[in-house]
PDB file of N, CA and C in Angstrom:
ATOM      1  N   MET A   1     139.886 149.909  99.321  1.00  0.00           N
ATOM      2  CA  MET A   1     139.394 148.760  98.576  1.00  0.00           C
ATOM      3  C   MET A   1     138.346 149.218  97.558  1.00  0.00           C
ATOM      4  N   ARG A   2     138.322 148.560  96.401  1.00  0.00           N
ATOM      5  CA  ARG A   2     137.361 148.885  95.362  1.00  0.00           C
ATOM      6  C   ARG A   2     135.970 148.437  95.775  1.00  0.00           C
ATOM      7  N   ASP A   3     134.950 149.180  95.301  1.00  0.00           N
ATOM      8  CA  ASP A   3     133.575 148.733  95.510  1.00  0.00           C
ATOM      9  C   ASP A   3     133.369 147.434  94.745  1.00  0.00           C
ATOM     10  N   GLU A   4     132.672 146.511  95.371  1.00  0.00           N
ATOM     11  CA  GLU A   4     132.424 145.210  94.758  1.00  0.00           C
ATOM     12  C   GLU A   4     131.434 145.350  93.600  1.00  0.00           C
ATOM     13  N   PRO A   5     131.743 144.739  92.450  1.00  0.00           N
ATOM     14  CA  PRO A   5     130.829 144.832  91.320  1.00  0.00           C
ATOM     15  C   PRO A   5     129.636 143.885  91.475  1.00  0.00           C
ATOM     16  N   LEU A   6     128.595 144.154  90.706  1.00  0.00           N
ATOM     17  CA  LEU A   6     127.490 143.204  90.597  1.00  0.00           C
ATOM     18  C   LEU A   6     127.983 142.004  89.801  1.00  0.00           C
ATOM     19  N   VAL A   7     127.396 140.850  90.030  1.00  0.00           N
ATOM     20  CA  VAL A   7     127.699 139.676  89.217  1.00  0.00           C
ATOM     21  C   VAL A   7     126.409 139.315  88.487  1.00  0.00           C
ATOM     22  N   LEU A   8     126.399 139.537  87.178  1.00  0.00           N
ATOM     23  CA  LEU A   8     125.210 139.262  86.383  1.00  0.00           C
ATOM     24  C   LEU A   8     125.104 137.772  86.055  1.00  0.00           C
ATOM     25  N   HIS A   9     123.903 137.312  85.732  1.00  0.00           N
ATOM     26  CA  HIS A   9     123.671 135.885  85.478  1.00  0.00           C
ATOM     27  C   HIS A   9     124.521 135.354  84.330  1.00  0.00           C
ATOM     28  N   THR A  10     124.913 136.192  83.394  1.00  0.00           N
ATOM     29  CA  THR A  10     125.740 135.726  82.278  1.00  0.00           C
ATOM     30  C   THR A  10     127.098 135.209  82.745  1.00  0.00           C
ATOM     31  N   ALA A  11     127.554 135.663  83.894  1.00  0.00           N
ATOM     32  CA  ALA A  11     128.858 135.249  84.408  1.00  0.00           C
ATOM     33  C   ALA A  11     128.867 133.784  84.836  1.00  0.00           C
ATOM     34  N   SER A  12     127.712 133.220  85.121  1.00  0.00           N
ATOM     35  CA  SER A  12     127.664 131.824  85.583  1.00  0.00           C
ATOM     36  C   SER A  12     127.532 130.826  84.445  1.00  0.00           C
ATOM     37  N   ARG A  13     127.539 131.302  83.218  1.00  0.00           N
ATOM     38  CA  ARG A  13     127.358 130.427  82.050  1.00  0.00           C
ATOM     39  C   ARG A  13     128.378 129.291  81.982  1.00  0.00           C
ATOM     40  N   HIS A  14     129.571 129.516  82.483  1.00  0.00           N
ATOM     41  CA  HIS A  14     130.630 128.499  82.441  1.00  0.00           C
ATOM     42  C   HIS A  14     130.775 127.765  83.772  1.00  0.00           C
ATOM     43  N   GLY A  15     129.794 127.912  84.656  1.00  0.00           N
ATOM     44  CA  GLY A  15     129.791 127.167  85.912  1.00  0.00           C
ATOM     45  C   GLY A  15     130.644 127.744  87.025  1.00  0.00           C
ATOM     46  N   VAL A  16     131.076 128.980  86.898  1.00  0.00           N
ATOM     47  CA  VAL A  16     131.895 129.611  87.938  1.00  0.00           C
ATOM     48  C   VAL A  16     130.969 130.166  89.018  1.00  0.00           C
ATOM     49  N   ALA A  17     131.263 129.831  90.265  1.00  0.00           N
ATOM     50  CA  ALA A  17     130.471 130.327  91.397  1.00  0.00           C
ATOM     51  C   ALA A  17     130.694 131.833  91.574  1.00  0.00           C
ATOM     52  N   GLU A  18     129.648 132.524  91.997  1.00  0.00           N
ATOM     53  CA  GLU A  18     129.723 133.971  92.190  1.00  0.00           C
ATOM     54  C   GLU A  18     130.854 134.359  93.141  1.00  0.00           C
ATOM     55  N   LEU A  19     131.010 133.626  94.237  1.00  0.00           N
ATOM     56  CA  LEU A  19     132.079 133.956  95.189  1.00  0.00           C
ATOM     57  C   LEU A  19     133.460 133.775  94.574  1.00  0.00           C
ATOM     58  N   ASP A  20     133.625 132.777  93.704  1.00  0.00           N
ATOM     59  CA  ASP A  20     134.915 132.600  93.027  1.00  0.00           C
ATOM     60  C   ASP A  20     135.172 133.725  92.029  1.00  0.00           C
ATOM     61  N   ALA A  21     134.123 134.161  91.319  1.00  0.00           N
ATOM     62  CA  ALA A  21     134.286 135.272  90.379  1.00  0.00           C
ATOM     63  C   ALA A  21     134.695 136.540  91.123  1.00  0.00           C
ATOM     64  N   LEU A  22     134.038 136.821  92.234  1.00  0.00           N
ATOM     65  CA  LEU A  22     134.386 138.004  93.026  1.00  0.00           C
ATOM     66  C   LEU A  22     135.792 137.898  93.603  1.00  0.00           C
ATOM     67  N   HIS A  23     136.177 136.708  94.049  1.00  0.00           N
ATOM     68  CA  HIS A  23     137.526 136.502  94.596  1.00  0.00           C
ATOM     69  C   HIS A  23     138.578 136.736  93.510  1.00  0.00           C
ATOM     70  N   ALA A  24     138.334 136.182  92.321  1.00  0.00           N
ATOM     71  CA  ALA A  24     139.289 136.355  91.222  1.00  0.00           C
ATOM     72  C   ALA A  24     139.432 137.828  90.844  1.00  0.00           C
ATOM     73  N   TRP A  25     138.322 138.547  90.826  1.00  0.00           N
ATOM     74  CA  TRP A  25     138.372 139.982  90.526  1.00  0.00           C
ATOM     75  C   TRP A  25     139.133 140.736  91.625  1.00  0.00           C
ATOM     76  N   ALA A  26     138.821 140.453  92.873  1.00  0.00           N
ATOM     77  CA  ALA A  26     139.430 141.178  93.992  1.00  0.00           C
ATOM     78  C   ALA A  26     140.932 140.946  94.097  1.00  0.00           C
ATOM     79  N   PHE A  27     141.383 139.760  93.691  1.00  0.00           N
ATOM     80  CA  PHE A  27     142.803 139.421  93.805  1.00  0.00           C
ATOM     81  C   PHE A  27     143.460 139.245  92.440  1.00  0.00           C
ATOM     82  N   ALA A  28     142.965 139.978  91.445  1.00  0.00           N
ATOM     83  CA  ALA A  28     143.486 139.872  90.079  1.00  0.00           C
ATOM     84  C   ALA A  28     144.983 140.168  90.023  1.00  0.00           C
ATOM     85  N   VAL A  29     145.665 139.403  89.193  1.00  0.00           N
ATOM     86  CA  VAL A  29     147.109 139.578  89.001  1.00  0.00           C
ATOM     87  C   VAL A  29     147.427 140.257  87.675  1.00  0.00           C
ATOM     88  N   GLU A  30     146.414 140.375  86.802  1.00  0.00           N
ATOM     89  CA  GLU A  30     146.604 140.991  85.482  1.00  0.00           C
ATOM     90  C   GLU A  30     145.272 141.520  84.992  1.00  0.00           C
ATOM     91  N   SER A  31     145.320 142.522  84.140  1.00  0.00           N
ATOM     92  CA  SER A  31     144.094 143.029  83.514  1.00  0.00           C
ATOM     93  C   SER A  31     144.402 143.447  82.086  1.00  0.00           C
ATOM     94  N   PHE A  32     143.393 143.353  81.241  1.00  0.00           N
ATOM     95  CA  PHE A  32     143.498 143.696  79.829  1.00  0.00           C
ATOM     96  C   PHE A  32     142.262 144.498  79.443  1.00  0.00           C
ATOM     97  N   VAL A  33     142.450 145.630  78.778  1.00  0.00           N
ATOM     98  CA  VAL A  33     141.321 146.401  78.266  1.00  0.00           C
ATOM     99  C   VAL A  33     141.057 145.910  76.847  1.00  0.00           C
ATOM    100  N   LEU A  34     139.853 145.398  76.601  1.00  0.00           N
ATOM    101  CA  LEU A  34     139.497 144.874  75.297  1.00  0.00           C
ATOM    102  C   LEU A  34     138.838 145.954  74.446  1.00  0.00           C
ATOM    103  N   ASP A  35     138.784 145.728  73.149  1.00  0.00           N
ATOM    104  CA  ASP A  35     138.250 146.707  72.203  1.00  0.00           C
ATOM    105  C   ASP A  35     136.796 147.083  72.468  1.00  0.00           C
ATOM    106  N   ASP A  36     136.015 146.176  73.038  1.00  0.00           N
ATOM    107  CA  ASP A  36     134.587 146.438  73.255  1.00  0.00           C
ATOM    108  C   ASP A  36     134.297 147.157  74.573  1.00  0.00           C
ATOM    109  N   GLY A  37     135.347 147.622  75.251  1.00  0.00           N
ATOM    110  CA  GLY A  37     135.167 148.346  76.502  1.00  0.00           C
ATOM    111  C   GLY A  37     135.184 147.457  77.737  1.00  0.00           C
ATOM    112  N   MET A  38     135.255 146.146  77.529  1.00  0.00           N
ATOM    113  CA  MET A  38     135.326 145.225  78.664  1.00  0.00           C
ATOM    114  C   MET A  38     136.754 145.203  79.197  1.00  0.00           C
ATOM    115  N   VAL A  39     136.881 145.101  80.504  1.00  0.00           N
ATOM    116  CA  VAL A  39     138.190 144.885  81.119  1.00  0.00           C
ATOM    117  C   VAL A  39     138.202 143.439  81.585  1.00  0.00           C
ATOM    118  N   MET A  40     139.190 142.685  81.106  1.00  0.00           N
ATOM    119  CA  MET A  40     139.316 141.284  81.470  1.00  0.00           C
ATOM    120  C   MET A  40     140.383 141.184  82.565  1.00  0.00           C
ATOM    121  N   TYR A  41     139.987 140.634  83.698  1.00  0.00           N
ATOM    122  CA  TYR A  41     140.904 140.415  84.818  1.00  0.00           C
ATOM    123  C   TYR A  41     141.252 138.945  84.895  1.00  0.00           C
ATOM    124  N   VAL A  42     142.466 138.637  85.306  1.00  0.00           N
ATOM    125  CA  VAL A  42     142.883 137.263  85.568  1.00  0.00           C
ATOM    126  C   VAL A  42     143.239 137.191  87.043  1.00  0.00           C
ATOM    127  N   GLY A  43     142.580 136.274  87.739  1.00  0.00           N
ATOM    128  CA  GLY A  43     142.822 136.136  89.166  1.00  0.00           C
ATOM    129  C   GLY A  43     142.431 134.749  89.641  1.00  0.00           C
ATOM    130  N   PRO A  44     142.795 134.412  90.869  1.00  0.00           N
ATOM    131  CA  PRO A  44     142.557 133.069  91.394  1.00  0.00           C
ATOM    132  C   PRO A  44     141.169 132.898  92.028  1.00  0.00           C
ATOM    133  N   THR A  45     140.644 131.673  91.911  1.00  0.00           N
ATOM    134  CA  THR A  45     139.461 131.301  92.682  1.00  0.00           C
ATOM    135  C   THR A  45     139.883 131.145  94.131  1.00  0.00           C
ATOM    136  N   ARG A  46     138.943 130.830  94.980  1.00  0.00           N
ATOM    137  CA  ARG A  46     139.272 130.582  96.390  1.00  0.00           C
ATOM    138  C   ARG A  46     140.169 129.360  96.537  1.00  0.00           C
ATOM    139  N   ALA A  47     140.168 128.464  95.529  1.00  0.00           N
ATOM    140  CA  ALA A  47     141.026 127.272  95.556  1.00  0.00           C
ATOM    141  C   ALA A  47     142.335 127.484  94.798  1.00  0.00           C
ATOM    142  N   GLY A  48     142.509 128.668  94.195  1.00  0.00           N
ATOM    143  CA  GLY A  48     143.759 128.984  93.525  1.00  0.00           C
ATOM    144  C   GLY A  48     143.788 128.748  92.028  1.00  0.00           C
ATOM    145  N   HIS A  49     142.684 128.351  91.414  1.00  0.00           N
ATOM    146  CA  HIS A  49     142.627 128.154  89.962  1.00  0.00           C
ATOM    147  C   HIS A  49     142.417 129.501  89.290  1.00  0.00           C
ATOM    148  N   LEU A  50     143.145 129.761  88.200  1.00  0.00           N
ATOM    149  CA  LEU A  50     143.037 131.061  87.544  1.00  0.00           C
ATOM    150  C   LEU A  50     141.782 131.162  86.685  1.00  0.00           C
ATOM    151  N   LEU A  51     141.082 132.282  86.853  1.00  0.00           N
ATOM    152  CA  LEU A  51     139.899 132.599  86.061  1.00  0.00           C
ATOM    153  C   LEU A  51     140.149 133.853  85.256  1.00  0.00           C
ATOM    154  N   GLU A  52     139.384 133.998  84.180  1.00  0.00           N
ATOM    155  CA  GLU A  52     139.296 135.283  83.501  1.00  0.00           C
ATOM    156  C   GLU A  52     137.923 135.854  83.832  1.00  0.00           C
ATOM    157  N   ILE A  53     137.909 137.098  84.221  1.00  0.00           N
ATOM    158  CA  ILE A  53     136.698 137.775  84.688  1.00  0.00           C
ATOM    159  C   ILE A  53     136.490 139.014  83.826  1.00  0.00           C
ATOM    160  N   GLY A  54     135.366 139.078  83.122  1.00  0.00           N
ATOM    161  CA  GLY A  54     135.054 140.224  82.276  1.00  0.00           C
ATOM    162  C   GLY A  54     134.167 141.214  83.007  1.00  0.00           C
ATOM    163  N   LEU A  55     134.604 142.452  83.088  1.00  0.00           N
ATOM    164  CA  LEU A  55     133.881 143.495  83.810  1.00  0.00           C
ATOM    165  C   LEU A  55     133.547 144.640  82.858  1.00  0.00           C
ATOM    166  N   VAL A  56     132.304 145.116  82.913  1.00  0.00           N
ATOM    167  CA  VAL A  56     131.850 146.239  82.095  1.00  0.00           C
ATOM    168  C   VAL A  56     131.124 147.245  82.986  1.00  0.00           C
ATOM    169  N   GLN A  57     130.904 148.437  82.449  1.00  0.00           N
ATOM    170  CA  GLN A  57     130.040 149.411  83.109  1.00  0.00           C
ATOM    171  C   GLN A  57     128.613 149.107  82.672  1.00  0.00           C
ATOM    172  N   TRP A  58     127.720 148.924  83.625  1.00  0.00           N
ATOM    173  CA  TRP A  58     126.339 148.536  83.355  1.00  0.00           C
ATOM    174  C   TRP A  58     125.426 149.394  84.217  1.00  0.00           C
ATOM    175  N   HIS A  59     124.636 150.217  83.590  1.00  0.00           N
ATOM    176  CA  HIS A  59     123.731 151.121  84.322  1.00  0.00           C
ATOM    177  C   HIS A  59     124.470 151.879  85.424  1.00  0.00           C
ATOM    178  N   GLU A  60     125.592 152.469  85.061  1.00  0.00           N
ATOM    179  CA  GLU A  60     126.398 153.306  85.955  1.00  0.00           C
ATOM    180  C   GLU A  60     127.046 152.564  87.124  1.00  0.00           C
ATOM    181  N   THR A  61     127.176 151.258  87.003  1.00  0.00           N
ATOM    182  CA  THR A  61     127.888 150.489  88.030  1.00  0.00           C
ATOM    183  C   THR A  61     128.744 149.437  87.341  1.00  0.00           C
ATOM    184  N   ALA A  62     129.759 148.949  88.026  1.00  0.00           N
ATOM    185  CA  ALA A  62     130.604 147.889  87.481  1.00  0.00           C
ATOM    186  C   ALA A  62     129.884 146.557  87.625  1.00  0.00           C
ATOM    187  N   ALA A  63     129.978 145.733  86.570  1.00  0.00           N
ATOM    188  CA  ALA A  63     129.310 144.436  86.591  1.00  0.00           C
ATOM    189  C   ALA A  63     130.193 143.378  85.954  1.00  0.00           C
ATOM    190  N   ILE A  64     130.270 142.233  86.609  1.00  0.00           N
ATOM    191  CA  ILE A  64     130.952 141.073  86.042  1.00  0.00           C
ATOM    192  C   ILE A  64     129.952 140.368  85.142  1.00  0.00           C
ATOM    193  N   VAL A  65     130.310 140.244  83.861  1.00  0.00           N
ATOM    194  CA  VAL A  65     129.421 139.614  82.891  1.00  0.00           C
ATOM    195  C   VAL A  65     130.000 138.328  82.321  1.00  0.00           C
ATOM    196  N   HIS A  66     131.248 138.020  82.662  1.00  0.00           N
ATOM    197  CA  HIS A  66     131.940 136.864  82.094  1.00  0.00           C
ATOM    198  C   HIS A  66     132.874 136.283  83.145  1.00  0.00           C
ATOM    199  N   ALA A  67     132.831 134.963  83.296  1.00  0.00           N
ATOM    200  CA  ALA A  67     133.753 134.283  84.216  1.00  0.00           C
ATOM    201  C   ALA A  67     133.967 132.858  83.707  1.00  0.00           C
ATOM    202  N   MET A  68     135.213 132.491  83.533  1.00  0.00           N
ATOM    203  CA  MET A  68     135.535 131.134  83.094  1.00  0.00           C
ATOM    204  C   MET A  68     137.009 130.853  83.396  1.00  0.00           C
ATOM    205  N   PRO A  69     137.423 129.583  83.308  1.00  0.00           N
ATOM    206  CA  PRO A  69     138.847 129.294  83.482  1.00  0.00           C
ATOM    207  C   PRO A  69     139.663 130.119  82.489  1.00  0.00           C
ATOM    208  N   ALA A  70     140.769 130.635  82.951  1.00  0.00           N
ATOM    209  CA  ALA A  70     141.599 131.509  82.121  1.00  0.00           C
ATOM    210  C   ALA A  70     142.140 130.770  80.908  1.00  0.00           C
ATOM    211  N   ARG A  71     141.958 131.390  79.746  1.00  0.00           N
ATOM    212  CA  ARG A  71     142.476 130.840  78.494  1.00  0.00           C
ATOM    213  C   ARG A  71     143.908 131.306  78.283  1.00  0.00           C
ATOM    214  N   ALA A  72     144.638 130.587  77.437  1.00  0.00           N
ATOM    215  CA  ALA A  72     146.054 130.864  77.187  1.00  0.00           C
ATOM    216  C   ALA A  72     146.300 132.303  76.747  1.00  0.00           C
ATOM    217  N   ARG A  73     145.378 132.892  75.982  1.00  0.00           N
ATOM    218  CA  ARG A  73     145.600 134.256  75.492  1.00  0.00           C
ATOM    219  C   ARG A  73     145.684 135.282  76.620  1.00  0.00           C
ATOM    220  N   PHE A  74     145.153 134.959  77.793  1.00  0.00           N
ATOM    221  CA  PHE A  74     145.226 135.868  78.929  1.00  0.00           C
ATOM    222  C   PHE A  74     146.289 135.442  79.958  1.00  0.00           C
ATOM    223  N   LEU A  75     147.020 134.405  79.649  1.00  0.00           N
ATOM    224  CA  LEU A  75     148.058 133.914  80.570  1.00  0.00           C
ATOM    225  C   LEU A  75     149.452 134.168  80.013  1.00  0.00           C
ATOM    226  N   ARG A  76     149.696 135.374  79.595  1.00  0.00           N
ATOM    227  CA  ARG A  76     151.017 135.730  79.030  1.00  0.00           C
ATOM    228  C   ARG A  76     151.993 136.057  80.114  1.00  0.00           C
TER     229      ARG A  76
END
């Protein structure tokens, strides 16, 4: 199993609970590497709603910096 990333305060900007962000990351069904070095994961909340989760390297550790309901561009 992968080491669990930190969840930074910026990830809660869209009202996603930390446990849902971690669940979506852990059970991601798709990932996209973006130009800015962020990896965007798409995965389900604990209730099954799809989220997009943005993960970056932050001070030598993985950190979730973005979490929100998955947008159409990531639901291909």
